[in-house]
Amino acid sequence: MDQMNSTFDEIARPIWFEHDDPIYSIWVKGSSFICADAKHFYWVTAAHVLTNTKADPQSLRIFSSDSATTTLSFDEKYTLTETDARDDYRDIFILRVDDEEFSKCGDSALIGQDIQDGFLDVDSLPLGSELWIVGYADDDNYVDYEQAKIKQTRSVVRAIYQGQGVSDYCHTARVESSIKLSSFDGLSGSPVFYKRIDGGEERMVLAGMLIRGTANSLMVHFINAAVIRRMIELIPWA
């Protein structure tokens, strides 16, 4: 597996859903990440991850870190409507972490990518730049009900930037990784990172959020992180 430091990895979070079914109560499906501004933390994924599983935000079970035993609570939802969004970036889905509830019940650190210092506008990225997709592919994430275990593996997948996609604010990359996945299912909502050199030091900055891709073509599409940052910047502070 391609290696990165643990703090960088843990910004990416797997998506669990809990349902009333007495036998199949937990589903593990999809990827997401946590980011933050000066006052709040936000959980971000692709909206179709929820719609494709016919789930709602109340069924989400998101852990703040790999070591956490309690899940996050949320107090606000943010999406783009039909009237103020076009094409792929309507797929951005954001929940604000309930800070007060987390301060009472959180049992581990909450790590988030800073939207000011840690986000990149991909329009400035040269073609051929190296990117890193951090997510939870279905191949390695599932519930084994017979053994009463949840299989959960975070993959760090190398990709090469290919430029602007067919729709506004959507960009493309070609996967070139030592990790061989039979399918890219489950990677929607994954953060896409770029390693930037600042003052001689390497920093991982968010380039975007993956929304689709196919293992046969090795091509993936992602939304520019600058759009997600702008959405959060427009949220009134409370």
Foldseek 3Di string as FASTA:
>chain_A
DDDDDQLVQFQKWWKWFADPPPQCGIWTFAIWGWADEPPWIKIKFFQVSCVVVVHDPVRIFIAQGPPWPHGWDFDDKDFDDPVGDDDDRSRIIMTITPVVVCVVDTDDDHRHQYLPPFFDQCVPPDFFAKKKWKWWAPVQFTADSVVRDTGTDIDIWIWTWHADDPDPQKGKTATDGPDQDQWRGRSGNTWMWGWDADPNDTDIHTQFTWHDDTSVRSMTMTGGSVVVSVSVVPDDDD
